[in-house]
Each structure stands twice: as structure tokens, then as C-alpha cells.
Amino acid sequence: MADKITKIDIITRKTKFDELKEALNEIGIMGMTVTQVLGCGTQKGDVQYYRGVATELKLLPKIKVEIVVCEVPVEKVIEAANAVLRTGEIGDGKIFVYEIQDAIKVRTGARGKEALENE
């Protein structure tokens, strides 16, 4: 497979999703998978009150945005995400970048770059 396919996972605050989606659309990213996830890093959770009783939540609600690209440069995606998500505060999130060995469009059997194209 001559064309490089890359998967980018972005995990961040739920409140930043609309801004992130708009920034990604502006650079040509139209397809994405979004999952509501729970997690913690440096934040170590949060204390909330339920019926007057302090309850420590070990995991915080986040969103995970999964993108697979071959036409849009990976650095462009990272720059767009950083521009929207970076506040300088703990909890801004993480971006993970993976190389994809192959992609297959189930409906047509297309493989590689062709599996990612809309026809």
C-alpha cells in the first residue's frame, strides 16, 4: 500500500467538542467517530455532592474523537486540535497518533486509500 493511512485519537473535555468539530471540518476532515468516555490523568477525579454528601468521582467524563486520514496532513490535524483545545489547564486532553496497516470498506471491498474516499 503506497499511501500512508494514519489514525488520530483526540481525548478532551466534552465542552470543547463543537469547537473541535468545526476546526476539523475547516481543514477537510468530514468523517469522525465520537465516543463518550470516562478517564482521569493528572486531575485524579473530582469531588461532587449528592444529597449533601461529598462523593469522589475517580473518572471524569470526556469525549474521544477518532479520525483516519491519508489526504490531510497529520500535523495540520494536530495543530488545529491544539489551537482549539489548549487552555493551559490540567484536563486539556491528549492526542494519540497511530499508523494504520490497511483499511477496508465493507460495502464495496475497497482497500487502502480508496476505502476512505466518498464516492
C-alpha atoms as a PDB file:
ATOM      1  CA  MET A   1       0.000   0.000   0.000  1.00  0.00           C
ATOM      2  CA  ALA A   2       1.710   3.171  -1.223  1.00  0.00           C
ATOM      3  CA  ASP A   3      -0.420   5.768   0.578  1.00  0.00           C
ATOM      4  CA  LYS A   4       0.132   6.190   4.303  1.00  0.00           C
ATOM      5  CA  ILE A   5      -3.007   5.979   6.453  1.00  0.00           C
ATOM      6  CA  THR A   6      -2.930   7.449   9.953  1.00  0.00           C
ATOM      7  CA  LYS A   7      -5.385   7.251  12.840  1.00  0.00           C
ATOM      8  CA  ILE A   8      -5.588  10.151  15.285  1.00  0.00           C
ATOM      9  CA  ASP A   9      -7.367   9.816  18.642  1.00  0.00           C
ATOM     10  CA  ILE A  10      -8.185  13.015  20.499  1.00  0.00           C
ATOM     11  CA  ILE A  11      -9.409  12.772  24.087  1.00  0.00           C
ATOM     12  CA  THR A  12     -10.621  16.017  25.670  1.00  0.00           C
ATOM     13  CA  ARG A  13     -13.357  17.828  27.558  1.00  0.00           C
ATOM     14  CA  LYS A  14     -16.915  17.336  26.329  1.00  0.00           C
ATOM     15  CA  THR A  15     -17.456  21.110  26.271  1.00  0.00           C
ATOM     16  CA  LYS A  16     -14.840  21.527  23.531  1.00  0.00           C
ATOM     17  CA  PHE A  17     -16.386  19.099  21.031  1.00  0.00           C
ATOM     18  CA  ASP A  18     -18.347  21.580  18.882  1.00  0.00           C
ATOM     19  CA  GLU A  19     -15.317  23.863  18.502  1.00  0.00           C
ATOM     20  CA  LEU A  20     -13.088  20.895  17.682  1.00  0.00           C
ATOM     21  CA  LYS A  21     -15.515  19.522  15.092  1.00  0.00           C
ATOM     22  CA  GLU A  22     -15.753  22.912  13.389  1.00  0.00           C
ATOM     23  CA  ALA A  23     -11.948  23.317  13.288  1.00  0.00           C
ATOM     24  CA  LEU A  24     -11.524  19.822  11.819  1.00  0.00           C
ATOM     25  CA  ASN A  25     -14.216  20.453   9.191  1.00  0.00           C
ATOM     26  CA  GLU A  26     -12.383  23.636   8.145  1.00  0.00           C
ATOM     27  CA  ILE A  27      -9.216  21.657   7.299  1.00  0.00           C
ATOM     28  CA  GLY A  28     -11.113  18.989   5.339  1.00  0.00           C
ATOM     29  CA  ILE A  29     -11.901  16.365   7.980  1.00  0.00           C
ATOM     30  CA  MET A  30     -15.501  15.282   7.445  1.00  0.00           C
ATOM     31  CA  GLY A  31     -15.601  11.796   8.936  1.00  0.00           C
ATOM     32  CA  MET A  32     -15.012  11.005  12.588  1.00  0.00           C
ATOM     33  CA  THR A  33     -16.155   8.637  15.292  1.00  0.00           C
ATOM     34  CA  VAL A  34     -17.055  10.198  18.634  1.00  0.00           C
ATOM     35  CA  THR A  35     -17.397   8.257  21.876  1.00  0.00           C
ATOM     36  CA  GLN A  36     -18.268   9.427  25.368  1.00  0.00           C
ATOM     37  CA  VAL A  37     -15.607   8.014  27.682  1.00  0.00           C
ATOM     38  CA  LEU A  38     -14.538   8.234  31.317  1.00  0.00           C
ATOM     39  CA  GLY A  39     -10.979   8.780  32.433  1.00  0.00           C
ATOM     40  CA  CYS A  40      -8.509  10.669  34.544  1.00  0.00           C
ATOM     41  CA  GLY A  41      -4.910  11.690  34.373  1.00  0.00           C
ATOM     42  CA  THR A  42      -3.255  14.316  36.490  1.00  0.00           C
ATOM     43  CA  GLN A  43      -6.682  15.558  37.622  1.00  0.00           C
ATOM     44  CA  LYS A  44      -7.306  12.405  39.684  1.00  0.00           C
ATOM     45  CA  GLY A  45     -11.055  12.826  39.537  1.00  0.00           C
ATOM     46  CA  ASP A  46     -13.399  15.319  41.135  1.00  0.00           C
ATOM     47  CA  VAL A  47     -15.437  15.768  44.312  1.00  0.00           C
ATOM     48  CA  GLN A  48     -19.161  16.323  43.821  1.00  0.00           C
ATOM     49  CA  TYR A  49     -22.044  16.469  46.259  1.00  0.00           C
ATOM     50  CA  TYR A  50     -25.019  14.110  46.120  1.00  0.00           C
ATOM     51  CA  ARG A  51     -27.793  14.865  48.627  1.00  0.00           C
ATOM     52  CA  GLY A  52     -25.312  16.823  50.738  1.00  0.00           C
ATOM     53  CA  VAL A  53     -22.741  14.033  50.887  1.00  0.00           C
ATOM     54  CA  ALA A  54     -19.339  14.552  49.277  1.00  0.00           C
ATOM     55  CA  THR A  55     -18.681  11.829  46.703  1.00  0.00           C
ATOM     56  CA  GLU A  56     -15.317  11.477  44.983  1.00  0.00           C
ATOM     57  CA  LEU A  57     -15.551  10.582  41.313  1.00  0.00           C
ATOM     58  CA  LYS A  58     -12.429   8.747  40.209  1.00  0.00           C
ATOM     59  CA  LEU A  59     -13.176   9.112  36.497  1.00  0.00           C
ATOM     60  CA  LEU A  60     -14.192  12.270  34.652  1.00  0.00           C
ATOM     61  CA  PRO A  61     -16.463  12.430  31.578  1.00  0.00           C
ATOM     62  CA  LYS A  62     -14.505  13.096  28.368  1.00  0.00           C
ATOM     63  CA  ILE A  63     -15.001  12.613  24.644  1.00  0.00           C
ATOM     64  CA  LYS A  64     -12.819  10.576  22.332  1.00  0.00           C
ATOM     65  CA  VAL A  65     -12.709  11.661  18.689  1.00  0.00           C
ATOM     66  CA  GLU A  66     -11.237   9.103  16.279  1.00  0.00           C
ATOM     67  CA  ILE A  67     -10.120  10.258  12.827  1.00  0.00           C
ATOM     68  CA  VAL A  68      -8.443   8.350   9.987  1.00  0.00           C
ATOM     69  CA  VAL A  69      -6.578  10.454   7.429  1.00  0.00           C
ATOM     70  CA  CYS A  70      -4.488   9.965   4.322  1.00  0.00           C
ATOM     71  CA  GLU A  71      -5.063  13.199   2.359  1.00  0.00           C
ATOM     72  CA  VAL A  72      -4.993  15.789   5.164  1.00  0.00           C
ATOM     73  CA  PRO A  73      -1.529  16.085   6.756  1.00  0.00           C
ATOM     74  CA  VAL A  74      -1.358  14.724  10.312  1.00  0.00           C
ATOM     75  CA  GLU A  75       0.456  17.829  11.569  1.00  0.00           C
ATOM     76  CA  LYS A  76      -2.380  20.011  10.264  1.00  0.00           C
ATOM     77  CA  VAL A  77      -4.880  17.968  12.316  1.00  0.00           C
ATOM     78  CA  ILE A  78      -2.691  18.206  15.426  1.00  0.00           C
ATOM     79  CA  GLU A  79      -2.242  21.969  15.011  1.00  0.00           C
ATOM     80  CA  ALA A  80      -5.994  22.528  14.549  1.00  0.00           C
ATOM     81  CA  ALA A  81      -6.833  20.417  17.611  1.00  0.00           C
ATOM     82  CA  ASN A  82      -4.192  22.121  19.761  1.00  0.00           C
ATOM     83  CA  ALA A  83      -5.412  25.578  18.728  1.00  0.00           C
ATOM     84  CA  VAL A  84      -8.935  24.756  19.922  1.00  0.00           C
ATOM     85  CA  LEU A  85      -8.235  22.566  22.949  1.00  0.00           C
ATOM     86  CA  ARG A  86      -5.219  24.144  24.670  1.00  0.00           C
ATOM     87  CA  THR A  87      -6.179  26.254  27.685  1.00  0.00           C
ATOM     88  CA  GLY A  88      -3.028  25.592  29.670  1.00  0.00           C
ATOM     89  CA  GLU A  89      -5.066  23.930  32.416  1.00  0.00           C
ATOM     90  CA  ILE A  90      -4.930  20.323  33.583  1.00  0.00           C
ATOM     91  CA  GLY A  91      -7.521  18.304  31.658  1.00  0.00           C
ATOM     92  CA  ASP A  92      -6.997  19.768  28.175  1.00  0.00           C
ATOM     93  CA  GLY A  93      -6.574  16.211  26.902  1.00  0.00           C
ATOM     94  CA  LYS A  94      -4.280  14.021  24.833  1.00  0.00           C
ATOM     95  CA  ILE A  95      -3.714  13.323  21.140  1.00  0.00           C
ATOM     96  CA  PHE A  96      -2.515   9.873  20.043  1.00  0.00           C
ATOM     97  CA  VAL A  97      -1.237   9.131  16.518  1.00  0.00           C
ATOM     98  CA  TYR A  98      -1.122   5.598  15.047  1.00  0.00           C
ATOM     99  CA  GLU A  99      -0.049   4.140  11.715  1.00  0.00           C
ATOM    100  CA  ILE A 100      -2.810   2.077  10.072  1.00  0.00           C
ATOM    101  CA  GLN A 101      -1.780  -1.039   8.195  1.00  0.00           C
ATOM    102  CA  ASP A 102      -4.898  -1.234   6.000  1.00  0.00           C
ATOM    103  CA  ALA A 103      -8.492  -0.047   5.728  1.00  0.00           C
ATOM    104  CA  ILE A 104     -11.353  -1.962   4.109  1.00  0.00           C
ATOM    105  CA  LYS A 105     -14.741  -0.546   3.112  1.00  0.00           C
ATOM    106  CA  VAL A 106     -17.100  -3.420   3.880  1.00  0.00           C
ATOM    107  CA  ARG A 107     -19.802  -2.383   1.389  1.00  0.00           C
ATOM    108  CA  THR A 108     -17.518  -2.305  -1.676  1.00  0.00           C
ATOM    109  CA  GLY A 109     -14.434  -4.238  -0.630  1.00  0.00           C
ATOM    110  CA  ALA A 110     -12.242  -1.223  -1.468  1.00  0.00           C
ATOM    111  CA  ARG A 111      -8.923  -1.224   0.380  1.00  0.00           C
ATOM    112  CA  GLY A 112      -6.377   1.340   1.462  1.00  0.00           C
ATOM    113  CA  LYS A 113      -6.869   4.948   0.457  1.00  0.00           C
ATOM    114  CA  GLU A 114      -9.862   4.032  -1.738  1.00  0.00           C
ATOM    115  CA  ALA A 115     -11.710   2.709   1.326  1.00  0.00           C
ATOM    116  CA  LEU A 116     -11.587   6.205   2.865  1.00  0.00           C
ATOM    117  CA  GLU A 117     -12.890   8.070  -0.179  1.00  0.00           C
ATOM    118  CA  ASN A 118     -16.529   9.039  -0.647  1.00  0.00           C
ATOM    119  CA  GLU A 119     -17.969   8.051  -3.985  1.00  0.00           C
END
